[in-house]
Protein backbone atom coordinates (compact mmCIF):
# COMPACT_ATOMS: atom_id res chain seq x y z
CA MET A 1 58.68 160.57 230.49
CA THR A 2 57.75 157.54 232.55
CA LYS A 3 58.05 154.11 230.98
CA ILE A 4 55.20 151.72 231.74
CA LEU A 5 56.19 148.12 232.27
CA ASP A 6 53.66 145.43 231.54
CA PHE A 7 54.83 142.36 233.41
CA ASP A 8 51.61 140.50 232.80
CA SER A 9 52.13 140.27 229.02
CA LYS A 10 55.56 138.67 229.47
CA ARG A 11 54.11 136.35 232.09
CA GLN A 12 51.38 135.13 229.71
CA VAL A 13 53.99 134.15 227.11
CA HIS A 14 56.01 132.32 229.74
CA LEU A 15 52.97 130.46 231.09
CA PHE A 16 51.95 129.43 227.57
CA LYS A 17 55.41 127.97 226.93
CA LYS A 18 55.28 126.07 230.22
CA LYS A 19 51.87 124.62 229.33
CA GLU A 20 53.16 123.55 225.92
CA GLU A 21 56.12 121.80 227.56
CA LYS A 22 53.74 119.91 229.88
CA VAL A 23 51.58 118.83 226.95
CA ASP A 24 54.64 117.64 225.01
CA ALA A 25 55.82 115.66 228.04
CA LEU A 26 52.40 114.00 228.36
CA ARG A 27 52.33 113.13 224.66
CA LYS A 28 55.80 111.63 224.90
CA ALA A 29 54.81 109.58 227.95
CA PHE A 30 51.69 108.23 226.23
CA ARG A 31 53.66 107.31 223.12
CA GLN A 32 56.18 105.42 225.23
CA ALA A 33 53.41 103.69 227.17
CA ARG A 34 51.74 102.52 223.97
CA GLU A 35 55.11 101.77 222.38
CA GLU A 36 54.29 103.90 219.35
CA PRO A 37 57.09 104.65 216.95
CA ALA A 38 58.32 108.23 216.99
CA THR A 39 56.54 110.57 214.58
CA ASN A 40 59.80 111.24 212.73
CA ALA A 41 60.58 107.55 212.28
CA PRO A 42 59.78 106.12 208.86
CA ARG A 43 56.81 103.81 208.89
CA ARG A 44 56.84 100.39 207.30
CA LYS A 45 55.34 100.20 203.88
CA GLY A 46 53.04 97.45 202.75
CA LYS A 47 54.27 94.52 200.71
CA ASN A 48 55.71 95.40 197.36
CA ARG A 49 53.30 93.47 195.16
CA SER A 50 54.41 93.00 191.63
CA ASN A 51 52.69 90.80 189.10
CA SER A 52 54.64 87.60 188.81
CA LYS A 53 54.39 85.65 185.63
CA LYS A 54 52.56 82.39 185.94
CA LYS A 55 53.61 79.50 183.73
């Protein structure tokens, strides 16, 4: 029995991964250009406002 090889299906997966890598590289470059903090970095919280007693 002859085995049929489908090279195109493997190629599509490979091309998709390459495109994703390019997109990730562009996103990283734009973040660095805008000096955005990394998405995993904790963001600063607002002021901790507690009611202070007035005399």
